Structures are given as C-alpha cells and as structure tokens.
C-alpha cells in the first residue's frame, strides 16, 4: 500500500481541547481554534493526543471534537488522529470514526496502566491498523506511558505497509535517529519521523526528523514554522539562536500550574477561547498566574516580531 508522505512533512500543532464554560466540548470553539491554525499556515493538526487531553475524555467527546475539527480542516490541513484508548475495542471504534470523517492518518500510544508486553502492544496496534485503510503513526512517549518501545518491536511494526512513521517524544535524539535509520531500512528510504520534544526541535530535524508535532506550537506556531524554514534553508546558526529564544519561552510555559492551563490562557489573550483544561489539569486562577501568561504572551509577540 502506497501513501503520499509529503503531506506529513512540516509543522503539526498538537491540538488543545476546546471546552465551553461548563467544561463540555464546544463545537464552535473547536472550529474557531482549527481555523486559527489554518490561518497561521501550519501543515497539519494532531487531534486527541496528550495536548488534546484525549485520555481524559469519553469516546463520544473525542468523536465530537474530531467532527468539529474536520468540518473546518478537511482539504485544508493534514489531520492525524490519535485513537489510542484504554481498551482495544474503543481504539478500533475511534479509528473507524476517524476514517469515516476523512482523516489523513491515525496514531496511537501503546496500552497504558497495566504494563503490557511488546506482544500485547503489537496486537493492540495491529487491531487499529487492520480496522481501516488509513496509514498509521506510532506514538512513542515513554515518559508518560512507561513503555519503552524496543527496536525489535518497532521493526516488526514498520514492516506493515500501513505503518508510515513514528512520533518520537522521548528525550533522546539518538533514539529518534535509530527509529529513522531502521524505518528507512525497512521501507527503502520512505519513513516519516516526527520530533516530539519541542525544546529540541532543531536537534531532531538535523538528526533525521521530517517535521514536528508539539503542544507548545499551539502558543507560538509562527516560531516553529520559522524554525522549520531555517532548517530547510540550512541557516543553522540563526535556527539555534531562535531555538534558544523558544526554549526560554517553554521554560516559562512549564513554570505555571500546568502547561495546558498556561497555553490555553495565552490563546485566550489572542482571542481564541478554549475553556479550562480538564481536571486534574490545573487552570490559571490567581493574579500572579495571569500575570505570568501576559508576560509570556508579550515575549512571544516580541520574538515573532524579531524573527518572522
């Protein structure tokens, strides 16, 4: 099975959730958020992942969010849908739903909580892959799933014609490079790797990543689009300078009560309402926290003006 891999290269925002003031999925807010990123010029969106709080939502909420996104994004952006859930049957239903809406690819973390074996994880992923005709992207984030993907299992998965890539969110660029090398070996040079850790975007790109998927992109998509452009132009000194600026902003984003709460408040300052993050994620509440968000937003705008 042959897929167009070019549409998976570039900057993909890990889309945040969009709730109303009561904490329910807001279709209108999700549509506005999607349009915001279309207007910013990103390549695509990663829907229902860590930043999207997918694992904190019900199956119906995840479907409703995706339906709102697709009503705006279809034909405009490349949409990758994270369909991983606690059970295989739910993951399969989410995969089929994503295909029915015209998504471009599905993706999944391994099983969580129980500490399953590689054999169980493979069966879990294979069930999703077999349920649709969509390409599949492995989501590797061991710091949250506690599953360290063995290269042996990765190679087994990569043999499948529908497995086109991996989102590597581990903190090791060596591991990213190894996934790229093995993937290209199995796929005759055609395998997509997404850099996951936003703070090492240019390191990931230079060691072999074809693009990135990130949550902090949501607060400053312009800066990651510029970073990608600088890498493509091989302007590495300027790219490193901008990455350093971005990393100082990321440090600020992480200094609040929760990354999700801070980023959502910055979107609010930009006129995009997405509601509060779902508990137990902490929202922005105090004057001190609001002041932090305002200062970070001002700094983001300053760096955009300087580099973009």
C-alpha atoms as a PDB file:
ATOM      1  CA  UNK A   1       0.000   0.000   0.000  1.00  0.00           C
ATOM      2  CA  UNK A   2       1.442   3.360  -1.090  1.00  0.00           C
ATOM      3  CA  UNK A   3       0.803   6.658   0.681  1.00  0.00           C
ATOM      4  CA  UNK A   4       1.749  10.265  -0.087  1.00  0.00           C
ATOM      5  CA  UNK A   5       4.303  11.013   2.617  1.00  0.00           C
ATOM      6  CA  UNK A   6       4.956  14.619   1.605  1.00  0.00           C
ATOM      7  CA  UNK A   7       1.807  15.809   3.338  1.00  0.00           C
ATOM      8  CA  UNK A   8       3.211  14.538   6.635  1.00  0.00           C
ATOM      9  CA  UNK A   9       6.337  16.705   6.498  1.00  0.00           C
ATOM     10  CA  UNK A  10       6.306  20.004   8.390  1.00  0.00           C
ATOM     11  CA  UNK A  11       4.759  21.611  11.453  1.00  0.00           C
ATOM     12  CA  UNK A  12       1.827  19.881  13.133  1.00  0.00           C
ATOM     13  CA  UNK A  13       0.168  21.507  16.135  1.00  0.00           C
ATOM     14  CA  UNK A  14      -0.837  19.037  18.838  1.00  0.00           C
ATOM     15  CA  UNK A  15      -4.319  20.497  19.128  1.00  0.00           C
ATOM     16  CA  UNK A  16      -5.618  21.556  22.515  1.00  0.00           C
ATOM     17  CA  UNK A  17      -9.085  20.675  23.723  1.00  0.00           C
ATOM     18  CA  UNK A  18     -11.923  23.142  23.195  1.00  0.00           C
ATOM     19  CA  UNK A  19     -14.451  23.277  26.022  1.00  0.00           C
ATOM     20  CA  UNK A  20     -17.305  25.625  26.838  1.00  0.00           C
ATOM     21  CA  UNK A  21     -17.531  27.408  30.181  1.00  0.00           C
ATOM     22  CA  UNK A  22     -19.123  24.315  31.749  1.00  0.00           C
ATOM     23  CA  UNK A  23     -16.322  22.002  30.609  1.00  0.00           C
ATOM     24  CA  UNK A  24     -18.185  20.349  27.732  1.00  0.00           C
ATOM     25  CA  UNK A  25     -16.780  20.006  24.211  1.00  0.00           C
ATOM     26  CA  UNK A  26     -17.582  23.215  22.332  1.00  0.00           C
ATOM     27  CA  UNK A  27     -18.091  22.676  18.608  1.00  0.00           C
ATOM     28  CA  UNK A  28     -17.915  26.377  17.827  1.00  0.00           C
ATOM     29  CA  UNK A  29     -14.735  26.912  19.834  1.00  0.00           C
ATOM     30  CA  UNK A  30     -13.132  23.851  18.229  1.00  0.00           C
ATOM     31  CA  UNK A  31     -13.963  25.200  14.781  1.00  0.00           C
ATOM     32  CA  UNK A  32     -12.519  28.627  15.584  1.00  0.00           C
ATOM     33  CA  UNK A  33      -9.363  27.059  17.029  1.00  0.00           C
ATOM     34  CA  UNK A  34      -8.920  24.957  13.884  1.00  0.00           C
ATOM     35  CA  UNK A  35      -9.384  27.956  11.616  1.00  0.00           C
ATOM     36  CA  UNK A  36      -6.838  29.877  13.677  1.00  0.00           C
ATOM     37  CA  UNK A  37      -4.150  27.327  12.802  1.00  0.00           C
ATOM     38  CA  UNK A  38      -5.199  27.184   9.156  1.00  0.00           C
ATOM     39  CA  UNK A  39      -4.687  30.947   9.030  1.00  0.00           C
ATOM     40  CA  UNK A  40      -1.279  30.611  10.711  1.00  0.00           C
ATOM     41  CA  UNK A  41      -0.065  28.300   7.951  1.00  0.00           C
ATOM     42  CA  UNK A  42       0.763  25.082   9.790  1.00  0.00           C
ATOM     43  CA  UNK A  43       0.942  21.833   7.833  1.00  0.00           C
ATOM     44  CA  UNK A  44      -1.494  19.946   9.988  1.00  0.00           C
ATOM     45  CA  UNK A  45      -3.016  19.043  13.334  1.00  0.00           C
ATOM     46  CA  UNK A  46      -2.597  16.106  15.689  1.00  0.00           C
ATOM     47  CA  UNK A  47      -6.020  15.650  17.271  1.00  0.00           C
ATOM     48  CA  UNK A  48      -6.848  13.872  20.530  1.00  0.00           C
ATOM     49  CA  UNK A  49      -3.311  13.347  21.778  1.00  0.00           C
ATOM     50  CA  UNK A  50      -1.654  14.420  25.022  1.00  0.00           C
ATOM     51  CA  UNK A  51      -2.262  18.135  24.445  1.00  0.00           C
ATOM     52  CA  UNK A  52      -5.808  17.374  23.356  1.00  0.00           C
ATOM     53  CA  UNK A  53      -6.490  15.571  26.648  1.00  0.00           C
ATOM     54  CA  UNK A  54      -7.813  12.577  24.708  1.00  0.00           C
ATOM     55  CA  UNK A  55      -7.180  10.148  27.542  1.00  0.00           C
ATOM     56  CA  UNK A  56      -9.266  12.349  29.870  1.00  0.00           C
ATOM     57  CA  UNK A  57     -12.276  12.401  27.537  1.00  0.00           C
ATOM     58  CA  UNK A  58     -15.056   9.947  26.822  1.00  0.00           C
ATOM     59  CA  UNK A  59     -15.276   8.217  23.459  1.00  0.00           C
ATOM     60  CA  UNK A  60     -18.203  10.412  22.423  1.00  0.00           C
ATOM     61  CA  UNK A  61     -16.359  13.585  23.428  1.00  0.00           C
ATOM     62  CA  UNK A  62     -13.363  12.580  21.329  1.00  0.00           C
ATOM     63  CA  UNK A  63     -15.618  11.926  18.350  1.00  0.00           C
ATOM     64  CA  UNK A  64     -17.414  15.235  18.784  1.00  0.00           C
ATOM     65  CA  UNK A  65     -14.131  17.158  18.923  1.00  0.00           C
ATOM     66  CA  UNK A  66     -12.840  15.477  15.775  1.00  0.00           C
ATOM     67  CA  UNK A  67     -16.096  16.077  13.914  1.00  0.00           C
ATOM     68  CA  UNK A  68     -15.818  19.807  14.665  1.00  0.00           C
ATOM     69  CA  UNK A  69     -12.180  19.918  13.552  1.00  0.00           C
ATOM     70  CA  UNK A  70     -12.822  18.006  10.332  1.00  0.00           C
ATOM     71  CA  UNK A  71     -15.753  20.235   9.385  1.00  0.00           C
ATOM     72  CA  UNK A  72     -13.244  23.072   9.042  1.00  0.00           C
ATOM     73  CA  UNK A  73      -9.921  21.377   8.296  1.00  0.00           C
ATOM     74  CA  UNK A  74     -10.808  18.785   5.662  1.00  0.00           C
ATOM     75  CA  UNK A  75      -8.930  19.663   2.487  1.00  0.00           C
ATOM     76  CA  UNK A  76      -7.092  22.481   4.284  1.00  0.00           C
ATOM     77  CA  UNK A  77      -4.762  20.663   6.682  1.00  0.00           C
ATOM     78  CA  UNK A  78      -3.311  17.184   7.126  1.00  0.00           C
ATOM     79  CA  UNK A  79      -5.148  15.657  10.055  1.00  0.00           C
ATOM     80  CA  UNK A  80      -3.610  12.905  12.190  1.00  0.00           C
ATOM     81  CA  UNK A  81      -5.980  11.487  14.784  1.00  0.00           C
ATOM     82  CA  UNK A  82      -4.773   9.911  17.986  1.00  0.00           C
ATOM     83  CA  UNK A  83      -7.152   6.987  18.575  1.00  0.00           C
ATOM     84  CA  UNK A  84      -5.372   5.234  21.434  1.00  0.00           C
ATOM     85  CA  UNK A  85      -7.640   4.372  24.364  1.00  0.00           C
ATOM     86  CA  UNK A  86      -7.501   2.148  27.426  1.00  0.00           C
ATOM     87  CA  UNK A  87      -9.165  -0.730  25.596  1.00  0.00           C
ATOM     88  CA  UNK A  88      -8.585  -2.139  22.130  1.00  0.00           C
ATOM     89  CA  UNK A  89     -12.290  -2.129  21.151  1.00  0.00           C
ATOM     90  CA  UNK A  90     -12.625   1.588  21.926  1.00  0.00           C
ATOM     91  CA  UNK A  91      -9.439   2.341  19.988  1.00  0.00           C
ATOM     92  CA  UNK A  92     -10.807   0.439  16.992  1.00  0.00           C
ATOM     93  CA  UNK A  93     -14.096   2.353  17.095  1.00  0.00           C
ATOM     94  CA  UNK A  94     -12.221   5.660  17.219  1.00  0.00           C
ATOM     95  CA  UNK A  95     -10.063   4.572  14.276  1.00  0.00           C
ATOM     96  CA  UNK A  96     -13.106   3.709  12.168  1.00  0.00           C
ATOM     97  CA  UNK A  97     -14.740   7.004  13.098  1.00  0.00           C
ATOM     98  CA  UNK A  98     -11.634   8.945  12.037  1.00  0.00           C
ATOM     99  CA  UNK A  99     -11.616   7.177   8.678  1.00  0.00           C
ATOM    100  CA  UNK A 100     -15.319   7.889   8.140  1.00  0.00           C
ATOM    101  CA  UNK A 101     -14.639  11.629   8.535  1.00  0.00           C
ATOM    102  CA  UNK A 102     -11.777  11.689   6.034  1.00  0.00           C
ATOM    103  CA  UNK A 103      -8.804  11.947   8.379  1.00  0.00           C
ATOM    104  CA  UNK A 104      -5.385  11.508   6.780  1.00  0.00           C
ATOM    105  CA  UNK A 105      -3.885   9.107   9.321  1.00  0.00           C
ATOM    106  CA  UNK A 106      -4.409   7.522  12.708  1.00  0.00           C
ATOM    107  CA  UNK A 107      -1.934   7.229  15.550  1.00  0.00           C
ATOM    108  CA  UNK A 108      -1.741   5.653  18.982  1.00  0.00           C
ATOM    109  CA  UNK A 109       0.237   5.317  22.153  1.00  0.00           C
ATOM    110  CA  UNK A 110       0.702   1.766  23.460  1.00  0.00           C
ATOM    111  CA  UNK A 111      -1.616   0.369  26.122  1.00  0.00           C
ATOM    112  CA  UNK A 112      -1.256   2.154  29.451  1.00  0.00           C
ATOM    113  CA  UNK A 113      -1.676   1.417  33.170  1.00  0.00           C
ATOM    114  CA  UNK A 114      -1.280  -2.380  33.128  1.00  0.00           C
ATOM    115  CA  UNK A 115       2.281  -2.528  31.799  1.00  0.00           C
ATOM    116  CA  UNK A 116       1.634  -4.805  28.829  1.00  0.00           C
ATOM    117  CA  UNK A 117       4.261  -6.842  26.990  1.00  0.00           C
ATOM    118  CA  UNK A 118       5.516  -5.929  23.500  1.00  0.00           C
ATOM    119  CA  UNK A 119       3.398  -8.791  22.146  1.00  0.00           C
ATOM    120  CA  UNK A 120       0.243  -7.281  23.681  1.00  0.00           C
ATOM    121  CA  UNK A 121       1.116  -3.790  22.428  1.00  0.00           C
ATOM    122  CA  UNK A 122       1.631  -5.124  18.904  1.00  0.00           C
ATOM    123  CA  UNK A 123      -1.743  -6.853  18.973  1.00  0.00           C
ATOM    124  CA  UNK A 124      -3.358  -3.645  20.260  1.00  0.00           C
ATOM    125  CA  UNK A 125      -1.813  -1.551  17.468  1.00  0.00           C
ATOM    126  CA  UNK A 126      -2.485  -4.181  14.794  1.00  0.00           C
ATOM    127  CA  UNK A 127      -6.181  -4.183  15.678  1.00  0.00           C
ATOM    128  CA  UNK A 128      -6.394  -0.452  14.928  1.00  0.00           C
ATOM    129  CA  UNK A 129      -4.324  -0.778  11.771  1.00  0.00           C
ATOM    130  CA  UNK A 130      -6.452  -3.627  10.437  1.00  0.00           C
ATOM    131  CA  UNK A 131      -9.686  -1.735  11.147  1.00  0.00           C
ATOM    132  CA  UNK A 132      -9.109   0.950   8.478  1.00  0.00           C
ATOM    133  CA  UNK A 133      -7.285   1.692   5.237  1.00  0.00           C
ATOM    134  CA  UNK A 134      -5.581   4.720   6.790  1.00  0.00           C
ATOM    135  CA  UNK A 135      -1.828   4.969   7.387  1.00  0.00           C
ATOM    136  CA  UNK A 136      -0.713   4.509  10.995  1.00  0.00           C
ATOM    137  CA  UNK A 137       1.809   6.524  13.007  1.00  0.00           C
ATOM    138  CA  UNK A 138       3.249   5.065  16.214  1.00  0.00           C
ATOM    139  CA  UNK A 139       3.213   7.464  19.167  1.00  0.00           C
ATOM    140  CA  UNK A 140       6.273   6.863  21.349  1.00  0.00           C
ATOM    141  CA  UNK A 141       6.175   8.768  24.634  1.00  0.00           C
ATOM    142  CA  UNK A 142       7.731   6.507  27.293  1.00  0.00           C
ATOM    143  CA  UNK A 143       7.897   9.190  29.986  1.00  0.00           C
ATOM    144  CA  UNK A 144       4.090   9.037  30.282  1.00  0.00           C
ATOM    145  CA  UNK A 145       3.204   5.525  29.058  1.00  0.00           C
ATOM    146  CA  UNK A 146       6.112   3.799  30.828  1.00  0.00           C
ATOM    147  CA  UNK A 147       6.512   1.633  27.722  1.00  0.00           C
ATOM    148  CA  UNK A 148       9.955   1.753  26.138  1.00  0.00           C
ATOM    149  CA  UNK A 149       9.446   0.679  22.544  1.00  0.00           C
ATOM    150  CA  UNK A 150      12.052  -1.988  21.710  1.00  0.00           C
ATOM    151  CA  UNK A 151      13.711  -1.646  18.316  1.00  0.00           C
ATOM    152  CA  UNK A 152      12.736  -5.248  17.652  1.00  0.00           C
ATOM    153  CA  UNK A 153       9.016  -4.444  18.014  1.00  0.00           C
ATOM    154  CA  UNK A 154       9.444  -1.199  16.100  1.00  0.00           C
ATOM    155  CA  UNK A 155      10.964  -3.108  13.202  1.00  0.00           C
ATOM    156  CA  UNK A 156       8.109  -5.630  13.272  1.00  0.00           C
ATOM    157  CA  UNK A 157       5.603  -2.789  13.120  1.00  0.00           C
ATOM    158  CA  UNK A 158       7.461  -0.936  10.358  1.00  0.00           C
ATOM    159  CA  UNK A 159       7.209  -3.978   8.082  1.00  0.00           C
ATOM    160  CA  UNK A 160       3.454  -3.352   7.893  1.00  0.00           C
ATOM    161  CA  UNK A 161       2.714  -1.339   4.750  1.00  0.00           C
ATOM    162  CA  UNK A 162       0.267   0.899   6.633  1.00  0.00           C
ATOM    163  CA  UNK A 163       2.820   1.946   9.268  1.00  0.00           C
ATOM    164  CA  UNK A 164       4.335   5.067   7.742  1.00  0.00           C
ATOM    165  CA  UNK A 165       6.018   6.737  10.685  1.00  0.00           C
ATOM    166  CA  UNK A 166       6.541   7.437  14.343  1.00  0.00           C
ATOM    167  CA  UNK A 167       6.113  10.426  16.623  1.00  0.00           C
ATOM    168  CA  UNK A 168       9.169  10.196  18.854  1.00  0.00           C
ATOM    169  CA  UNK A 169       8.583  12.130  22.065  1.00  0.00           C
ATOM    170  CA  UNK A 170      11.329  10.505  24.098  1.00  0.00           C
ATOM    171  CA  UNK A 171      14.100  12.845  25.167  1.00  0.00           C
ATOM    172  CA  UNK A 172      16.817  11.023  23.232  1.00  0.00           C
ATOM    173  CA  UNK A 173      17.731  12.260  19.777  1.00  0.00           C
ATOM    174  CA  UNK A 174      19.817   9.089  19.449  1.00  0.00           C
ATOM    175  CA  UNK A 175      16.632   7.057  19.767  1.00  0.00           C
ATOM    176  CA  UNK A 176      14.950   9.264  17.158  1.00  0.00           C
ATOM    177  CA  UNK A 177      17.879   8.695  14.802  1.00  0.00           C
ATOM    178  CA  UNK A 178      17.686   4.942  15.350  1.00  0.00           C
ATOM    179  CA  UNK A 179      13.966   4.875  14.540  1.00  0.00           C
ATOM    180  CA  UNK A 180      14.680   6.856  11.376  1.00  0.00           C
ATOM    181  CA  UNK A 181      17.510   4.547  10.318  1.00  0.00           C
ATOM    182  CA  UNK A 182      15.582   1.328  10.946  1.00  0.00           C
ATOM    183  CA  UNK A 183      12.393   2.728   9.431  1.00  0.00           C
ATOM    184  CA  UNK A 184      14.170   3.768   6.240  1.00  0.00           C
ATOM    185  CA  UNK A 185      15.958   0.429   6.077  1.00  0.00           C
ATOM    186  CA  UNK A 186      12.661  -1.447   6.228  1.00  0.00           C
ATOM    187  CA  UNK A 187      10.794   1.000   3.962  1.00  0.00           C
ATOM    188  CA  UNK A 188      13.512   1.570   1.340  1.00  0.00           C
ATOM    189  CA  UNK A 189      14.096   5.156   2.453  1.00  0.00           C
ATOM    190  CA  UNK A 190      10.454   6.154   2.884  1.00  0.00           C
ATOM    191  CA  UNK A 191       9.588   6.535   6.545  1.00  0.00           C
ATOM    192  CA  UNK A 192       8.340   9.581   8.456  1.00  0.00           C
ATOM    193  CA  UNK A 193       9.696  10.593  11.861  1.00  0.00           C
ATOM    194  CA  UNK A 194       8.154  13.440  13.851  1.00  0.00           C
ATOM    195  CA  UNK A 195      10.184  15.208  16.510  1.00  0.00           C
ATOM    196  CA  UNK A 196       8.198  15.247  19.752  1.00  0.00           C
ATOM    197  CA  UNK A 197      10.141  17.315  22.339  1.00  0.00           C
ATOM    198  CA  UNK A 198       9.551  20.934  21.328  1.00  0.00           C
ATOM    199  CA  UNK A 199      12.648  22.161  23.161  1.00  0.00           C
ATOM    200  CA  UNK A 200      14.907  20.128  20.848  1.00  0.00           C
ATOM    201  CA  UNK A 201      13.101  20.729  17.566  1.00  0.00           C
ATOM    202  CA  UNK A 202      16.148  21.666  15.505  1.00  0.00           C
ATOM    203  CA  UNK A 203      18.200  18.832  17.026  1.00  0.00           C
ATOM    204  CA  UNK A 204      15.512  16.376  15.982  1.00  0.00           C
ATOM    205  CA  UNK A 205      15.245  17.851  12.492  1.00  0.00           C
ATOM    206  CA  UNK A 206      19.001  17.777  11.960  1.00  0.00           C
ATOM    207  CA  UNK A 207      19.317  14.146  13.084  1.00  0.00           C
ATOM    208  CA  UNK A 208      16.575  12.993  10.716  1.00  0.00           C
ATOM    209  CA  UNK A 209      13.069  14.112  11.728  1.00  0.00           C
ATOM    210  CA  UNK A 210      10.858  15.179   8.826  1.00  0.00           C
ATOM    211  CA  UNK A 211       8.842  17.601  10.918  1.00  0.00           C
ATOM    212  CA  UNK A 212       7.424  18.032  14.364  1.00  0.00           C
ATOM    213  CA  UNK A 213       4.280  17.549  16.404  1.00  0.00           C
ATOM    214  CA  UNK A 214       4.141  19.681  19.526  1.00  0.00           C
ATOM    215  CA  UNK A 215       1.875  21.167  22.147  1.00  0.00           C
ATOM    216  CA  UNK A 216       3.762  24.420  22.708  1.00  0.00           C
ATOM    217  CA  UNK A 217       3.454  25.034  18.954  1.00  0.00           C
ATOM    218  CA  UNK A 218      -0.124  25.975  19.826  1.00  0.00           C
ATOM    219  CA  UNK A 219       1.001  29.095  21.681  1.00  0.00           C
ATOM    220  CA  UNK A 220       3.570  30.155  19.074  1.00  0.00           C
ATOM    221  CA  UNK A 221       3.001  28.398  15.723  1.00  0.00           C
ATOM    222  CA  UNK A 222       4.766  31.226  13.901  1.00  0.00           C
ATOM    223  CA  UNK A 223       8.052  30.475  15.663  1.00  0.00           C
ATOM    224  CA  UNK A 224       8.059  26.762  14.886  1.00  0.00           C
ATOM    225  CA  UNK A 225       7.141  27.420  11.268  1.00  0.00           C
ATOM    226  CA  UNK A 226      10.137  29.783  11.165  1.00  0.00           C
ATOM    227  CA  UNK A 227      12.409  27.198  12.825  1.00  0.00           C
ATOM    228  CA  UNK A 228      11.421  24.631  10.204  1.00  0.00           C
ATOM    229  CA  UNK A 229      12.063  27.141   7.442  1.00  0.00           C
ATOM    230  CA  UNK A 230      15.541  27.958   8.810  1.00  0.00           C
ATOM    231  CA  UNK A 231      16.469  24.262   8.982  1.00  0.00           C
ATOM    232  CA  UNK A 232      15.322  23.749   5.397  1.00  0.00           C
ATOM    233  CA  UNK A 233      17.467  26.703   4.310  1.00  0.00           C
ATOM    234  CA  UNK A 234      20.385  25.308   6.352  1.00  0.00           C
ATOM    235  CA  UNK A 235      20.621  28.552   8.305  1.00  0.00           C
ATOM    236  CA  UNK A 236      21.664  26.617  11.366  1.00  0.00           C
ATOM    237  CA  UNK A 237      23.220  29.433  13.371  1.00  0.00           C
ATOM    238  CA  UNK A 238      20.037  31.502  13.185  1.00  0.00           C
ATOM    239  CA  UNK A 239      17.935  28.391  13.864  1.00  0.00           C
ATOM    240  CA  UNK A 240      19.933  27.695  17.023  1.00  0.00           C
ATOM    241  CA  UNK A 241      19.518  31.304  18.116  1.00  0.00           C
ATOM    242  CA  UNK A 242      15.741  31.118  17.650  1.00  0.00           C
ATOM    243  CA  UNK A 243      15.518  27.708  19.358  1.00  0.00           C
ATOM    244  CA  UNK A 244      17.248  29.236  22.382  1.00  0.00           C
ATOM    245  CA  UNK A 245      14.624  32.000  22.449  1.00  0.00           C
ATOM    246  CA  UNK A 246      11.826  29.446  22.110  1.00  0.00           C
ATOM    247  CA  UNK A 247      13.265  27.332  24.917  1.00  0.00           C
ATOM    248  CA  UNK A 248      13.202  30.264  27.317  1.00  0.00           C
ATOM    249  CA  UNK A 249       9.504  30.673  26.481  1.00  0.00           C
ATOM    250  CA  UNK A 250       8.921  26.951  27.024  1.00  0.00           C
ATOM    251  CA  UNK A 251      10.569  27.223  30.451  1.00  0.00           C
ATOM    252  CA  UNK A 252       8.036  29.920  31.240  1.00  0.00           C
ATOM    253  CA  UNK A 253       5.127  27.845  29.970  1.00  0.00           C
ATOM    254  CA  UNK A 254       6.228  24.999  32.240  1.00  0.00           C
ATOM    255  CA  UNK A 255       6.551  27.268  35.284  1.00  0.00           C
ATOM    256  CA  UNK A 256       2.799  27.750  35.669  1.00  0.00           C
ATOM    257  CA  UNK A 257       0.291  25.436  37.366  1.00  0.00           C
ATOM    258  CA  UNK A 258       0.065  23.314  34.182  1.00  0.00           C
ATOM    259  CA  UNK A 259       1.356  23.625  30.626  1.00  0.00           C
ATOM    260  CA  UNK A 260      -2.203  23.188  29.371  1.00  0.00           C
ATOM    261  CA  UNK A 261      -3.599  25.906  31.589  1.00  0.00           C
ATOM    262  CA  UNK A 262      -0.903  28.401  30.591  1.00  0.00           C
ATOM    263  CA  UNK A 263      -1.153  27.700  26.868  1.00  0.00           C
ATOM    264  CA  UNK A 264      -4.944  27.918  26.910  1.00  0.00           C
ATOM    265  CA  UNK A 265      -4.766  31.263  28.697  1.00  0.00           C
ATOM    266  CA  UNK A 266      -2.316  32.583  26.109  1.00  0.00           C
ATOM    267  CA  UNK A 267      -4.770  31.532  23.397  1.00  0.00           C
ATOM    268  CA  UNK A 268      -7.424  33.451  25.342  1.00  0.00           C
ATOM    269  CA  UNK A 269      -5.195  36.535  25.218  1.00  0.00           C
ATOM    270  CA  UNK A 270      -5.048  36.056  21.455  1.00  0.00           C
ATOM    271  CA  UNK A 271      -8.825  35.994  21.202  1.00  0.00           C
ATOM    272  CA  UNK A 272      -9.204  32.206  20.960  1.00  0.00           C
ATOM    273  CA  UNK A 273     -11.358  30.690  23.700  1.00  0.00           C
ATOM    274  CA  UNK A 274     -10.773  27.011  24.514  1.00  0.00           C
ATOM    275  CA  UNK A 275     -12.049  26.811  28.083  1.00  0.00           C
ATOM    276  CA  UNK A 276     -10.193  25.456  31.088  1.00  0.00           C
ATOM    277  CA  UNK A 277      -8.145  22.256  30.941  1.00  0.00           C
ATOM    278  CA  UNK A 278      -9.959  19.233  32.337  1.00  0.00           C
ATOM    279  CA  UNK A 279      -9.159  18.228  35.882  1.00  0.00           C
ATOM    280  CA  UNK A 280      -6.859  17.135  37.317  1.00  0.00           C
ATOM    281  CA  UNK A 281      -5.032  19.518  34.961  1.00  0.00           C
ATOM    282  CA  UNK A 282      -4.774  22.836  36.789  1.00  0.00           C
ATOM    283  CA  UNK A 283      -6.212  26.050  35.281  1.00  0.00           C
ATOM    284  CA  UNK A 284      -4.953  29.614  35.534  1.00  0.00           C
ATOM    285  CA  UNK A 285      -6.635  31.257  38.531  1.00  0.00           C
ATOM    286  CA  UNK A 286      -4.509  33.692  40.540  1.00  0.00           C
ATOM    287  CA  UNK A 287      -3.439  37.191  39.544  1.00  0.00           C
ATOM    288  CA  UNK A 288       0.170  36.009  39.697  1.00  0.00           C
ATOM    289  CA  UNK A 289      -0.584  33.216  37.201  1.00  0.00           C
ATOM    290  CA  UNK A 290      -2.456  35.600  34.896  1.00  0.00           C
ATOM    291  CA  UNK A 291       0.488  37.999  35.010  1.00  0.00           C
ATOM    292  CA  UNK A 292       2.840  35.145  34.033  1.00  0.00           C
ATOM    293  CA  UNK A 293       0.682  34.366  30.999  1.00  0.00           C
ATOM    294  CA  UNK A 294       0.557  38.007  29.929  1.00  0.00           C
ATOM    295  CA  UNK A 295       4.338  38.337  30.170  1.00  0.00           C
ATOM    296  CA  UNK A 296       4.839  35.139  28.176  1.00  0.00           C
ATOM    297  CA  UNK A 297       2.397  36.305  25.509  1.00  0.00           C
ATOM    298  CA  UNK A 298       4.224  39.628  25.262  1.00  0.00           C
ATOM    299  CA  UNK A 299       7.536  37.796  24.918  1.00  0.00           C
ATOM    300  CA  UNK A 300       6.160  35.505  22.215  1.00  0.00           C
ATOM    301  CA  UNK A 301       4.999  38.552  20.266  1.00  0.00           C
ATOM    302  CA  UNK A 302       8.413  40.193  20.646  1.00  0.00           C
ATOM    303  CA  UNK A 303      10.207  37.107  19.303  1.00  0.00           C
ATOM    304  CA  UNK A 304       7.723  36.808  16.426  1.00  0.00           C
ATOM    305  CA  UNK A 305       8.412  40.429  15.517  1.00  0.00           C
ATOM    306  CA  UNK A 306      12.168  39.825  15.685  1.00  0.00           C
ATOM    307  CA  UNK A 307      12.327  36.645  13.584  1.00  0.00           C
ATOM    308  CA  UNK A 308       9.171  36.462  11.493  1.00  0.00           C
END
